[in-house]
Amino acid sequence: MTESILTSVKKNLGLPEDYTVYDADVMMHINSVLNVLHQLGVGPAEGFQVNGKNETWTAFTQDNILLNSVKTYIFLRVRLLFDPPTTSFHLEALKEQIKEFEWRINVYREGQEWVSPFAT
C-alpha cells in the first residue's frame, strides 16, 4: 500500500484531498503524533516526518500488523488535536481509545525486538 499519510488523515477528518487550506495544521499534528510513536520505538530509527502528500504509510513501516493500529492511532490523535469533540462523553471515549491503541502499539513493539530510540 502506498497511500499518502496526509491524504488518508484528511479523508478521515472529512477534508477533501484537493482542499489544502488546513494541510499545514494537519501535518503539524501528524508530525507531533509521529514523534510520540518515535519515542515509543515505532517507525524508522531516525524518525519520520510528513512534509506533504508524498510520504506514505509503507515508508513509515513495512509491518502491516503494526501499521493497522498505527493508522487508527494517528487518526484518533490528529482528530483530537485538530477537531476535538464538543461533548464530554465523546471526548472521553476518544481519549480512552487513544490510550488503548497506545498501550497495544507499545505491547506489540516490545514483543518484537525492543530498540530504544535514544540509543546511540
PDB file of N, CA and C in Angstrom:
ATOM      1  N   MET A   1       0.839  -1.178   0.000  1.00  0.00           N
ATOM      2  CA  MET A   1       0.000   0.000   0.000  1.00  0.00           C
ATOM      3  C   MET A   1       0.883   1.239   0.000  1.00  0.00           C
ATOM      4  N   THR A   2       0.640   2.151  -0.904  1.00  0.00           N
ATOM      5  CA  THR A   2       1.439   3.366  -0.993  1.00  0.00           C
ATOM      6  C   THR A   2       0.585   4.600  -0.740  1.00  0.00           C
ATOM      7  N   GLU A   3      -0.442   4.436   0.038  1.00  0.00           N
ATOM      8  CA  GLU A   3      -1.363   5.526   0.305  1.00  0.00           C
ATOM      9  C   GLU A   3      -0.672   6.656   1.077  1.00  0.00           C
ATOM     10  N   SER A   4      -0.952   7.871   0.670  1.00  0.00           N
ATOM     11  CA  SER A   4      -0.403   9.056   1.320  1.00  0.00           C
ATOM     12  C   SER A   4      -0.934   9.182   2.742  1.00  0.00           C
ATOM     13  N   ILE A   5      -0.035   9.439   3.684  1.00  0.00           N
ATOM     14  CA  ILE A   5      -0.432   9.633   5.071  1.00  0.00           C
ATOM     15  C   ILE A   5      -1.318  10.873   5.185  1.00  0.00           C
ATOM     16  N   LEU A   6      -0.873  11.977   4.599  1.00  0.00           N
ATOM     17  CA  LEU A   6      -1.632  13.221   4.683  1.00  0.00           C
ATOM     18  C   LEU A   6      -3.021  13.069   4.066  1.00  0.00           C
ATOM     19  N   THR A   7      -3.087  12.482   2.896  1.00  0.00           N
ATOM     20  CA  THR A   7      -4.370  12.327   2.205  1.00  0.00           C
ATOM     21  C   THR A   7      -5.337  11.467   3.001  1.00  0.00           C
ATOM     22  N   SER A   8      -4.850  10.367   3.564  1.00  0.00           N
ATOM     23  CA  SER A   8      -5.746   9.478   4.307  1.00  0.00           C
ATOM     24  C   SER A   8      -6.192  10.090   5.631  1.00  0.00           C
ATOM     25  N   VAL A   9      -5.318  10.843   6.297  1.00  0.00           N
ATOM     26  CA  VAL A   9      -5.719  11.508   7.534  1.00  0.00           C
ATOM     27  C   VAL A   9      -6.757  12.586   7.219  1.00  0.00           C
ATOM     28  N   LYS A  10      -6.522  13.345   6.160  1.00  0.00           N
ATOM     29  CA  LYS A  10      -7.503  14.360   5.755  1.00  0.00           C
ATOM     30  C   LYS A  10      -8.852  13.718   5.453  1.00  0.00           C
ATOM     31  N   LYS A  11      -8.833  12.582   4.771  1.00  0.00           N
ATOM     32  CA  LYS A  11     -10.085  11.883   4.448  1.00  0.00           C
ATOM     33  C   LYS A  11     -10.837  11.531   5.722  1.00  0.00           C
ATOM     34  N   ASN A  12     -10.127  11.037   6.718  1.00  0.00           N
ATOM     35  CA  ASN A  12     -10.760  10.683   7.993  1.00  0.00           C
ATOM     36  C   ASN A  12     -11.262  11.893   8.763  1.00  0.00           C
ATOM     37  N   LEU A  13     -10.689  13.050   8.483  1.00  0.00           N
ATOM     38  CA  LEU A  13     -11.163  14.285   9.105  1.00  0.00           C
ATOM     39  C   LEU A  13     -12.322  14.894   8.330  1.00  0.00           C
ATOM     40  N   GLY A  14     -12.642  14.297   7.190  1.00  0.00           N
ATOM     41  CA  GLY A  14     -13.731  14.802   6.361  1.00  0.00           C
ATOM     42  C   GLY A  14     -13.304  15.917   5.420  1.00  0.00           C
ATOM     43  N   LEU A  15     -11.990  16.032   5.180  1.00  0.00           N
ATOM     44  CA  LEU A  15     -11.460  17.067   4.290  1.00  0.00           C
ATOM     45  C   LEU A  15     -11.143  16.458   2.924  1.00  0.00           C
ATOM     46  N   PRO A  16     -11.624  17.045   1.841  1.00  0.00           N
ATOM     47  CA  PRO A  16     -11.289  16.539   0.510  1.00  0.00           C
ATOM     48  C   PRO A  16      -9.791  16.669   0.227  1.00  0.00           C
ATOM     49  N   GLU A  17      -9.261  15.765  -0.575  1.00  0.00           N
ATOM     50  CA  GLU A  17      -7.832  15.769  -0.893  1.00  0.00           C
ATOM     51  C   GLU A  17      -7.389  17.086  -1.523  1.00  0.00           C
ATOM     52  N   ASP A  18      -8.213  17.663  -2.378  1.00  0.00           N
ATOM     53  CA  ASP A  18      -7.825  18.886  -3.083  1.00  0.00           C
ATOM     54  C   ASP A  18      -8.052  20.163  -2.264  1.00  0.00           C
ATOM     55  N   TYR A  19      -8.592  20.043  -1.065  1.00  0.00           N
ATOM     56  CA  TYR A  19      -8.797  21.194  -0.178  1.00  0.00           C
ATOM     57  C   TYR A  19      -7.575  21.308   0.724  1.00  0.00           C
ATOM     58  N   THR A  20      -6.707  22.278   0.421  1.00  0.00           N
ATOM     59  CA  THR A  20      -5.399  22.338   1.076  1.00  0.00           C
ATOM     60  C   THR A  20      -5.275  23.423   2.145  1.00  0.00           C
ATOM     61  N   VAL A  21      -6.359  24.100   2.465  1.00  0.00           N
ATOM     62  CA  VAL A  21      -6.319  25.207   3.426  1.00  0.00           C
ATOM     63  C   VAL A  21      -5.737  24.772   4.775  1.00  0.00           C
ATOM     64  N   TYR A  22      -6.089  23.580   5.228  1.00  0.00           N
ATOM     65  CA  TYR A  22      -5.658  23.115   6.551  1.00  0.00           C
ATOM     66  C   TYR A  22      -4.477  22.141   6.504  1.00  0.00           C
ATOM     67  N   ASP A  23      -3.861  21.972   5.354  1.00  0.00           N
ATOM     68  CA  ASP A  23      -2.776  20.995   5.238  1.00  0.00           C
ATOM     69  C   ASP A  23      -1.648  21.245   6.235  1.00  0.00           C
ATOM     70  N   ALA A  24      -1.235  22.490   6.408  1.00  0.00           N
ATOM     71  CA  ALA A  24      -0.136  22.792   7.341  1.00  0.00           C
ATOM     72  C   ALA A  24      -0.519  22.412   8.770  1.00  0.00           C
ATOM     73  N   ASP A  25      -1.766  22.694   9.157  1.00  0.00           N
ATOM     74  CA  ASP A  25      -2.228  22.345  10.502  1.00  0.00           C
ATOM     75  C   ASP A  25      -2.279  20.831  10.683  1.00  0.00           C
ATOM     76  N   VAL A  26      -2.828  20.136   9.709  1.00  0.00           N
ATOM     77  CA  VAL A  26      -2.947  18.677   9.795  1.00  0.00           C
ATOM     78  C   VAL A  26      -1.566  18.044   9.834  1.00  0.00           C
ATOM     79  N   MET A  27      -0.633  18.528   8.999  1.00  0.00           N
ATOM     80  CA  MET A  27       0.729  17.980   9.002  1.00  0.00           C
ATOM     81  C   MET A  27       1.430  18.226  10.341  1.00  0.00           C
ATOM     82  N   MET A  28       1.218  19.403  10.921  1.00  0.00           N
ATOM     83  CA  MET A  28       1.814  19.696  12.227  1.00  0.00           C
ATOM     84  C   MET A  28       1.349  18.667  13.260  1.00  0.00           C
ATOM     85  N   HIS A  29       0.048  18.357  13.262  1.00  0.00           N
ATOM     86  CA  HIS A  29      -0.481  17.391  14.224  1.00  0.00           C
ATOM     87  C   HIS A  29      -0.008  15.971  13.912  1.00  0.00           C
ATOM     88  N   ILE A  30       0.030  15.606  12.637  1.00  0.00           N
ATOM     89  CA  ILE A  30       0.541  14.284  12.255  1.00  0.00           C
ATOM     90  C   ILE A  30       1.972  14.141  12.748  1.00  0.00           C
ATOM     91  N   ASN A  31       2.792  15.147  12.523  1.00  0.00           N
ATOM     92  CA  ASN A  31       4.202  15.071  12.926  1.00  0.00           C
ATOM     93  C   ASN A  31       4.364  15.004  14.436  1.00  0.00           C
ATOM     94  N   SER A  32       3.489  15.648  15.172  1.00  0.00           N
ATOM     95  CA  SER A  32       3.517  15.532  16.638  1.00  0.00           C
ATOM     96  C   SER A  32       3.236  14.096  17.065  1.00  0.00           C
ATOM     97  N   VAL A  33       2.255  13.484  16.431  1.00  0.00           N
ATOM     98  CA  VAL A  33       1.909  12.098  16.762  1.00  0.00           C
ATOM     99  C   VAL A  33       3.028  11.153  16.320  1.00  0.00           C
ATOM    100  N   LEU A  34       3.614  11.412  15.161  1.00  0.00           N
ATOM    101  CA  LEU A  34       4.745  10.586  14.708  1.00  0.00           C
ATOM    102  C   LEU A  34       5.905  10.680  15.692  1.00  0.00           C
ATOM    103  N   ASN A  35       6.100  11.835  16.307  1.00  0.00           N
ATOM    104  CA  ASN A  35       7.138  11.994  17.314  1.00  0.00           C
ATOM    105  C   ASN A  35       6.840  11.139  18.551  1.00  0.00           C
ATOM    106  N   VAL A  36       5.579  11.093  18.957  1.00  0.00           N
ATOM    107  CA  VAL A  36       5.181  10.232  20.082  1.00  0.00           C
ATOM    108  C   VAL A  36       5.482   8.773  19.732  1.00  0.00           C
ATOM    109  N   LEU A  37       5.121   8.359  18.533  1.00  0.00           N
ATOM    110  CA  LEU A  37       5.395   6.986  18.104  1.00  0.00           C
ATOM    111  C   LEU A  37       6.896   6.702  18.078  1.00  0.00           C
ATOM    112  N   HIS A  38       7.684   7.672  17.642  1.00  0.00           N
ATOM    113  CA  HIS A  38       9.144   7.510  17.637  1.00  0.00           C
ATOM    114  C   HIS A  38       9.664   7.302  19.054  1.00  0.00           C
ATOM    115  N   GLN A  39       9.115   8.053  20.005  1.00  0.00           N
ATOM    116  CA  GLN A  39       9.533   7.901  21.397  1.00  0.00           C
ATOM    117  C   GLN A  39       9.133   6.535  21.954  1.00  0.00           C
ATOM    118  N   LEU A  40       8.078   5.931  21.378  1.00  0.00           N
ATOM    119  CA  LEU A  40       7.684   4.577  21.765  1.00  0.00           C
ATOM    120  C   LEU A  40       8.520   3.518  21.060  1.00  0.00           C
ATOM    121  N   GLY A  41       9.387   3.942  20.146  1.00  0.00           N
ATOM    122  CA  GLY A  41      10.231   3.000  19.417  1.00  0.00           C
ATOM    123  C   GLY A  41       9.579   2.463  18.156  1.00  0.00           C
ATOM    124  N   VAL A  42       8.586   3.168  17.631  1.00  0.00           N
ATOM    125  CA  VAL A  42       7.869   2.727  16.450  1.00  0.00           C
ATOM    126  C   VAL A  42       8.260   3.608  15.268  1.00  0.00           C
ATOM    127  N   GLY A  43       8.518   2.982  14.122  1.00  0.00           N
ATOM    128  CA  GLY A  43       8.879   3.725  12.921  1.00  0.00           C
ATOM    129  C   GLY A  43      10.373   3.700  12.689  1.00  0.00           C
ATOM    130  N   PRO A  44      10.822   4.446  11.702  1.00  0.00           N
ATOM    131  CA  PRO A  44      12.255   4.481  11.385  1.00  0.00           C
ATOM    132  C   PRO A  44      13.082   4.994  12.561  1.00  0.00           C
ATOM    133  N   ALA A  45      14.265   4.427  12.732  1.00  0.00           N
ATOM    134  CA  ALA A  45      15.138   4.800  13.853  1.00  0.00           C
ATOM    135  C   ALA A  45      15.491   6.278  13.833  1.00  0.00           C
ATOM    136  N   GLU A  46      15.590   6.856  12.638  1.00  0.00           N
ATOM    137  CA  GLU A  46      15.957   8.272  12.535  1.00  0.00           C
ATOM    138  C   GLU A  46      14.756   9.204  12.666  1.00  0.00           C
ATOM    139  N   GLY A  47      13.583   8.631  12.856  1.00  0.00           N
ATOM    140  CA  GLY A  47      12.363   9.422  12.949  1.00  0.00           C
ATOM    141  C   GLY A  47      11.695   9.539  11.592  1.00  0.00           C
ATOM    142  N   PHE A  48      10.544  10.175  11.564  1.00  0.00           N
ATOM    143  CA  PHE A  48       9.771  10.294  10.325  1.00  0.00           C
ATOM    144  C   PHE A  48       8.969  11.570  10.385  1.00  0.00           C
ATOM    145  N   GLN A  49       8.831  12.214   9.229  1.00  0.00           N
ATOM    146  CA  GLN A  49       8.108  13.474   9.160  1.00  0.00           C
ATOM    147  C   GLN A  49       7.307  13.538   7.870  1.00  0.00           C
ATOM    148  N   VAL A  50       6.119  14.120   7.953  1.00  0.00           N
ATOM    149  CA  VAL A  50       5.275  14.329   6.786  1.00  0.00           C
ATOM    150  C   VAL A  50       5.432  15.781   6.348  1.00  0.00           C
ATOM    151  N   ASN A  51       5.848  15.980   5.094  1.00  0.00           N
ATOM    152  CA  ASN A  51       6.043  17.321   4.543  1.00  0.00           C
ATOM    153  C   ASN A  51       5.057  17.642   3.430  1.00  0.00           C
ATOM    154  N   GLY A  52       4.216  16.690   3.102  1.00  0.00           N
ATOM    155  CA  GLY A  52       3.251  16.852   2.015  1.00  0.00           C
ATOM    156  C   GLY A  52       2.557  15.528   1.788  1.00  0.00           C
ATOM    157  N   LYS A  53       2.001  15.354   0.591  1.00  0.00           N
ATOM    158  CA  LYS A  53       1.280  14.112   0.347  1.00  0.00           C
ATOM    159  C   LYS A  53       2.137  13.009  -0.257  1.00  0.00           C
ATOM    160  N   ASN A  54       3.443  13.211  -0.343  1.00  0.00           N
ATOM    161  CA  ASN A  54       4.319  12.182  -0.902  1.00  0.00           C
ATOM    162  C   ASN A  54       4.736  11.113   0.109  1.00  0.00           C
ATOM    163  N   GLU A  55       4.645  11.409   1.399  1.00  0.00           N
ATOM    164  CA  GLU A  55       5.037  10.425   2.414  1.00  0.00           C
ATOM    165  C   GLU A  55       3.911   9.403   2.564  1.00  0.00           C
ATOM    166  N   THR A  56       4.286   8.136   2.539  1.00  0.00           N
ATOM    167  CA  THR A  56       3.295   7.051   2.560  1.00  0.00           C
ATOM    168  C   THR A  56       3.397   6.235   3.842  1.00  0.00           C
ATOM    169  N   TRP A  57       2.338   5.477   4.092  1.00  0.00           N
ATOM    170  CA  TRP A  57       2.309   4.600   5.270  1.00  0.00           C
ATOM    171  C   TRP A  57       3.419   3.565   5.203  1.00  0.00           C
ATOM    172  N   THR A  58       3.656   2.986   4.036  1.00  0.00           N
ATOM    173  CA  THR A  58       4.689   1.949   3.929  1.00  0.00           C
ATOM    174  C   THR A  58       6.096   2.519   4.078  1.00  0.00           C
ATOM    175  N   ALA A  59       6.269   3.819   3.830  1.00  0.00           N
ATOM    176  CA  ALA A  59       7.570   4.442   4.093  1.00  0.00           C
ATOM    177  C   ALA A  59       7.792   4.563   5.596  1.00  0.00           C
ATOM    178  N   PHE A  60       6.704   4.674   6.348  1.00  0.00           N
ATOM    179  CA  PHE A  60       6.804   4.756   7.807  1.00  0.00           C
ATOM    180  C   PHE A  60       7.121   3.390   8.405  1.00  0.00           C
ATOM    181  N   THR A  61       6.397   2.353   7.975  1.00  0.00           N
ATOM    182  CA  THR A  61       6.686   0.994   8.443  1.00  0.00           C
ATOM    183  C   THR A  61       6.187  -0.024   7.426  1.00  0.00           C
ATOM    184  N   GLN A  62       6.931  -1.108   7.304  1.00  0.00           N
ATOM    185  CA  GLN A  62       6.545  -2.214   6.434  1.00  0.00           C
ATOM    186  C   GLN A  62       5.765  -3.278   7.207  1.00  0.00           C
ATOM    187  N   ASP A  63       5.663  -3.122   8.511  1.00  0.00           N
ATOM    188  CA  ASP A  63       4.974  -4.087   9.374  1.00  0.00           C
ATOM    189  C   ASP A  63       3.467  -3.848   9.292  1.00  0.00           C
ATOM    190  N   ASN A  64       2.776  -4.672   8.496  1.00  0.00           N
ATOM    191  CA  ASN A  64       1.341  -4.471   8.266  1.00  0.00           C
ATOM    192  C   ASN A  64       0.502  -4.635   9.529  1.00  0.00           C
ATOM    193  N   ILE A  65       0.893  -5.518  10.423  1.00  0.00           N
ATOM    194  CA  ILE A  65       0.143  -5.708  11.668  1.00  0.00           C
ATOM    195  C   ILE A  65       0.238  -4.439  12.513  1.00  0.00           C
ATOM    196  N   LEU A  66       1.424  -3.923  12.653  1.00  0.00           N
ATOM    197  CA  LEU A  66       1.627  -2.681  13.404  1.00  0.00           C
ATOM    198  C   LEU A  66       0.953  -1.509  12.696  1.00  0.00           C
ATOM    199  N   LEU A  67       1.048  -1.477  11.379  1.00  0.00           N
ATOM    200  CA  LEU A  67       0.504  -0.367  10.602  1.00  0.00           C
ATOM    201  C   LEU A  67      -0.990  -0.196  10.798  1.00  0.00           C
ATOM    202  N   ASN A  68      -1.722  -1.289  10.935  1.00  0.00           N
ATOM    203  CA  ASN A  68      -3.166  -1.193  11.149  1.00  0.00           C
ATOM    204  C   ASN A  68      -3.483  -0.381  12.403  1.00  0.00           C
ATOM    205  N   SER A  69      -2.773  -0.645  13.472  1.00  0.00           N
ATOM    206  CA  SER A  69      -3.003   0.103  14.715  1.00  0.00           C
ATOM    207  C   SER A  69      -2.451   1.514  14.639  1.00  0.00           C
ATOM    208  N   VAL A  70      -1.305   1.678  14.002  1.00  0.00           N
ATOM    209  CA  VAL A  70      -0.684   2.996  13.878  1.00  0.00           C
ATOM    210  C   VAL A  70      -1.603   3.954  13.122  1.00  0.00           C
ATOM    211  N   LYS A  71      -2.209   3.486  12.054  1.00  0.00           N
ATOM    212  CA  LYS A  71      -3.113   4.344  11.280  1.00  0.00           C
ATOM    213  C   LYS A  71      -4.255   4.857  12.151  1.00  0.00           C
ATOM    214  N   THR A  72      -4.903   3.957  12.865  1.00  0.00           N
ATOM    215  CA  THR A  72      -6.021   4.363  13.710  1.00  0.00           C
ATOM    216  C   THR A  72      -5.559   5.290  14.816  1.00  0.00           C
ATOM    217  N   TYR A  73      -4.429   4.972  15.422  1.00  0.00           N
ATOM    218  CA  TYR A  73      -3.870   5.808  16.482  1.00  0.00           C
ATOM    219  C   TYR A  73      -3.612   7.229  15.981  1.00  0.00           C
ATOM    220  N   ILE A  74      -2.982   7.350  14.824  1.00  0.00           N
ATOM    221  CA  ILE A  74      -2.697   8.673  14.270  1.00  0.00           C
ATOM    222  C   ILE A  74      -3.993   9.405  13.951  1.00  0.00           C
ATOM    223  N   PHE A  75      -4.964   8.715  13.346  1.00  0.00           N
ATOM    224  CA  PHE A  75      -6.247   9.352  13.042  1.00  0.00           C
ATOM    225  C   PHE A  75      -6.911   9.890  14.306  1.00  0.00           C
ATOM    226  N   LEU A  76      -6.941   9.068  15.360  1.00  0.00           N
ATOM    227  CA  LEU A  76      -7.585   9.479  16.606  1.00  0.00           C
ATOM    228  C   LEU A  76      -6.884  10.673  17.247  1.00  0.00           C
ATOM    229  N   ARG A  77      -5.554  10.607  17.309  1.00  0.00           N
ATOM    230  CA  ARG A  77      -4.803  11.701  17.939  1.00  0.00           C
ATOM    231  C   ARG A  77      -4.936  13.002  17.152  1.00  0.00           C
ATOM    232  N   VAL A  78      -4.859  12.906  15.817  1.00  0.00           N
ATOM    233  CA  VAL A  78      -4.993  14.110  14.992  1.00  0.00           C
ATOM    234  C   VAL A  78      -6.404  14.669  15.125  1.00  0.00           C
ATOM    235  N   ARG A  79      -7.399  13.794  15.139  1.00  0.00           N
ATOM    236  CA  ARG A  79      -8.787  14.251  15.316  1.00  0.00           C
ATOM    237  C   ARG A  79      -8.938  15.017  16.629  1.00  0.00           C
ATOM    238  N   LEU A  80      -8.354  14.476  17.690  1.00  0.00           N
ATOM    239  CA  LEU A  80      -8.446  15.125  18.991  1.00  0.00           C
ATOM    240  C   LEU A  80      -7.761  16.496  18.990  1.00  0.00           C
ATOM    241  N   LEU A  81      -6.645  16.608  18.278  1.00  0.00           N
ATOM    242  CA  LEU A  81      -5.921  17.874  18.217  1.00  0.00           C
ATOM    243  C   LEU A  81      -6.556  18.870  17.246  1.00  0.00           C
ATOM    244  N   PHE A  82      -6.972  18.385  16.089  1.00  0.00           N
ATOM    245  CA  PHE A  82      -7.462  19.255  15.023  1.00  0.00           C
ATOM    246  C   PHE A  82      -8.930  19.630  15.180  1.00  0.00           C
ATOM    247  N   ASP A  83      -9.749  18.647  15.551  1.00  0.00           N
ATOM    248  CA  ASP A  83     -11.195  18.869  15.616  1.00  0.00           C
ATOM    249  C   ASP A  83     -11.772  18.116  16.815  1.00  0.00           C
ATOM    250  N   PRO A  84     -11.502  18.607  18.034  1.00  0.00           N
ATOM    251  CA  PRO A  84     -11.955  17.882  19.219  1.00  0.00           C
ATOM    252  C   PRO A  84     -13.480  17.826  19.312  1.00  0.00           C
ATOM    253  N   PRO A  85     -14.005  16.741  19.888  1.00  0.00           N
ATOM    254  CA  PRO A  85     -15.454  16.609  20.051  1.00  0.00           C
ATOM    255  C   PRO A  85     -15.997  17.700  20.973  1.00  0.00           C
ATOM    256  N   THR A  86     -17.272  18.010  20.796  1.00  0.00           N
ATOM    257  CA  THR A  86     -17.886  19.072  21.594  1.00  0.00           C
ATOM    258  C   THR A  86     -18.539  18.555  22.868  1.00  0.00           C
ATOM    259  N   THR A  87     -18.775  17.252  22.950  1.00  0.00           N
ATOM    260  CA  THR A  87     -19.391  16.709  24.161  1.00  0.00           C
ATOM    261  C   THR A  87     -18.348  15.988  25.002  1.00  0.00           C
ATOM    262  N   SER A  88     -18.517  16.057  26.304  1.00  0.00           N
ATOM    263  CA  SER A  88     -17.531  15.467  27.207  1.00  0.00           C
ATOM    264  C   SER A  88     -17.479  13.944  27.094  1.00  0.00           C
ATOM    265  N   PHE A  89     -18.628  13.300  26.891  1.00  0.00           N
ATOM    266  CA  PHE A  89     -18.588  11.834  26.796  1.00  0.00           C
ATOM    267  C   PHE A  89     -17.931  11.382  25.503  1.00  0.00           C
ATOM    268  N   HIS A  90     -18.080  12.131  24.419  1.00  0.00           N
ATOM    269  CA  HIS A  90     -17.393  11.795  23.172  1.00  0.00           C
ATOM    270  C   HIS A  90     -15.894  12.032  23.321  1.00  0.00           C
ATOM    271  N   LEU A  91     -15.527  13.113  23.978  1.00  0.00           N
ATOM    272  CA  LEU A  91     -14.126  13.425  24.230  1.00  0.00           C
ATOM    273  C   LEU A  91     -13.464  12.331  25.060  1.00  0.00           C
ATOM    274  N   GLU A  92     -14.126  11.905  26.131  1.00  0.00           N
ATOM    275  CA  GLU A  92     -13.571  10.855  26.988  1.00  0.00           C
ATOM    276  C   GLU A  92     -13.460   9.521  26.247  1.00  0.00           C
ATOM    277  N   ALA A  93     -14.456   9.210  25.415  1.00  0.00           N
ATOM    278  CA  ALA A  93     -14.409   7.974  24.632  1.00  0.00           C
ATOM    279  C   ALA A  93     -13.213   7.988  23.678  1.00  0.00           C
ATOM    280  N   LEU A  94     -12.972   9.123  23.051  1.00  0.00           N
ATOM    281  CA  LEU A  94     -11.841   9.264  22.141  1.00  0.00           C
ATOM    282  C   LEU A  94     -10.523   9.109  22.892  1.00  0.00           C
ATOM    283  N   LYS A  95     -10.423   9.734  24.056  1.00  0.00           N
ATOM    284  CA  LYS A  95      -9.210   9.623  24.870  1.00  0.00           C
ATOM    285  C   LYS A  95      -8.952   8.181  25.305  1.00  0.00           C
ATOM    286  N   GLU A  96     -10.003   7.462  25.653  1.00  0.00           N
ATOM    287  CA  GLU A  96      -9.854   6.058  26.056  1.00  0.00           C
ATOM    288  C   GLU A  96      -9.389   5.194  24.893  1.00  0.00           C
ATOM    289  N   GLN A  97      -9.927   5.445  23.713  1.00  0.00           N
ATOM    290  CA  GLN A  97      -9.485   4.697  22.525  1.00  0.00           C
ATOM    291  C   GLN A  97      -8.012   4.974  22.253  1.00  0.00           C
ATOM    292  N   ILE A  98      -7.610   6.227  22.381  1.00  0.00           N
ATOM    293  CA  ILE A  98      -6.211   6.597  22.162  1.00  0.00           C
ATOM    294  C   ILE A  98      -5.310   5.872  23.143  1.00  0.00           C
ATOM    295  N   LYS A  99      -5.694   5.856  24.414  1.00  0.00           N
ATOM    296  CA  LYS A  99      -4.894   5.167  25.436  1.00  0.00           C
ATOM    297  C   LYS A  99      -4.749   3.685  25.116  1.00  0.00           C
ATOM    298  N   GLU A 100      -5.865   3.069  24.708  1.00  0.00           N
ATOM    299  CA  GLU A 100      -5.805   1.639  24.404  1.00  0.00           C
ATOM    300  C   GLU A 100      -4.914   1.356  23.200  1.00  0.00           C
ATOM    301  N   PHE A 101      -5.051   2.145  22.153  1.00  0.00           N
ATOM    302  CA  PHE A 101      -4.190   1.928  20.986  1.00  0.00           C
ATOM    303  C   PHE A 101      -2.729   2.178  21.321  1.00  0.00           C
ATOM    304  N   GLU A 102      -2.453   3.194  22.119  1.00  0.00           N
ATOM    305  CA  GLU A 102      -1.076   3.465  22.527  1.00  0.00           C
ATOM    306  C   GLU A 102      -0.508   2.287  23.309  1.00  0.00           C
ATOM    307  N   TRP A 103      -1.299   1.744  24.224  1.00  0.00           N
ATOM    308  CA  TRP A 103      -0.852   0.600  25.014  1.00  0.00           C
ATOM    309  C   TRP A 103      -0.611  -0.611  24.107  1.00  0.00           C
ATOM    310  N   ARG A 104      -1.546  -0.892  23.207  1.00  0.00           N
ATOM    311  CA  ARG A 104      -1.409  -2.045  22.316  1.00  0.00           C
ATOM    312  C   ARG A 104      -0.227  -1.909  21.363  1.00  0.00           C
ATOM    313  N   ILE A 105      -0.009  -0.705  20.849  1.00  0.00           N
ATOM    314  CA  ILE A 105       1.155  -0.474  19.980  1.00  0.00           C
ATOM    315  C   ILE A 105       2.432  -0.701  20.764  1.00  0.00           C
ATOM    316  N   ASN A 106       2.469  -0.200  21.993  1.00  0.00           N
ATOM    317  CA  ASN A 106       3.643  -0.368  22.840  1.00  0.00           C
ATOM    318  C   ASN A 106       3.897  -1.843  23.153  1.00  0.00           C
ATOM    319  N   VAL A 107       2.850  -2.571  23.497  1.00  0.00           N
ATOM    320  CA  VAL A 107       2.995  -4.000  23.795  1.00  0.00           C
ATOM    321  C   VAL A 107       3.466  -4.763  22.559  1.00  0.00           C
ATOM    322  N   TYR A 108       2.882  -4.462  21.408  1.00  0.00           N
ATOM    323  CA  TYR A 108       3.288  -5.126  20.165  1.00  0.00           C
ATOM    324  C   TYR A 108       4.754  -4.844  19.875  1.00  0.00           C
ATOM    325  N   ARG A 109       5.145  -3.586  19.992  1.00  0.00           N
ATOM    326  CA  ARG A 109       6.525  -3.201  19.694  1.00  0.00           C
ATOM    327  C   ARG A 109       7.494  -3.867  20.656  1.00  0.00           C
ATOM    328  N   GLU A 110       7.141  -3.919  21.933  1.00  0.00           N
ATOM    329  CA  GLU A 110       8.026  -4.567  22.902  1.00  0.00           C
ATOM    330  C   GLU A 110       8.095  -6.074  22.682  1.00  0.00           C
ATOM    331  N   GLY A 111       7.044  -6.641  22.097  1.00  0.00           N
ATOM    332  CA  GLY A 111       7.051  -8.060  21.763  1.00  0.00           C
ATOM    333  C   GLY A 111       7.992  -8.377  20.621  1.00  0.00           C
ATOM    334  N   GLN A 112       8.258  -7.383  19.800  1.00  0.00           N
ATOM    335  CA  GLN A 112       9.268  -7.512  18.758  1.00  0.00           C
ATOM    336  C   GLN A 112      10.610  -7.262  19.434  1.00  0.00           C
ATOM    337  N   GLU A 113      11.602  -6.907  18.714  1.00  0.00           N
ATOM    338  CA  GLU A 113      12.891  -6.592  19.340  1.00  0.00           C
ATOM    339  C   GLU A 113      12.904  -5.128  19.751  1.00  0.00           C
ATOM    340  N   TRP A 114      12.918  -4.872  21.045  1.00  0.00           N
ATOM    341  CA  TRP A 114      12.893  -3.505  21.541  1.00  0.00           C
ATOM    342  C   TRP A 114      14.236  -2.838  21.267  1.00  0.00           C
ATOM    343  N   VAL A 115      14.170  -1.690  20.616  1.00  0.00           N
ATOM    344  CA  VAL A 115      15.347  -0.882  20.379  1.00  0.00           C
ATOM    345  C   VAL A 115      15.006   0.527  20.837  1.00  0.00           C
ATOM    346  N   SER A 116      15.739   1.032  21.790  1.00  0.00           N
ATOM    347  CA  SER A 116      15.473   2.368  22.303  1.00  0.00           C
ATOM    348  C   SER A 116      15.717   3.407  21.208  1.00  0.00           C
ATOM    349  N   PRO A 117      14.776   4.323  21.019  1.00  0.00           N
ATOM    350  CA  PRO A 117      15.002   5.375  20.020  1.00  0.00           C
ATOM    351  C   PRO A 117      16.090   6.361  20.449  1.00  0.00           C
ATOM    352  N   PHE A 118      16.514   6.265  21.694  1.00  0.00           N
ATOM    353  CA  PHE A 118      17.524   7.179  22.213  1.00  0.00           C
ATOM    354  C   PHE A 118      18.914   6.545  22.247  1.00  0.00           C
ATOM    355  N   ALA A 119      19.022   5.291  21.797  1.00  0.00           N
ATOM    356  CA  ALA A 119      20.315   4.620  21.776  1.00  0.00           C
ATOM    357  C   ALA A 119      21.210   5.261  20.708  1.00  0.00           C
ATOM    358  N   THR A 120      22.482   5.338  21.007  1.00  0.00           N
ATOM    359  CA  THR A 120      23.403   5.953  20.046  1.00  0.00           C
ATOM    360  C   THR A 120      24.158   4.931  19.259  1.00  0.00           C
TER     361      THR A 120
END
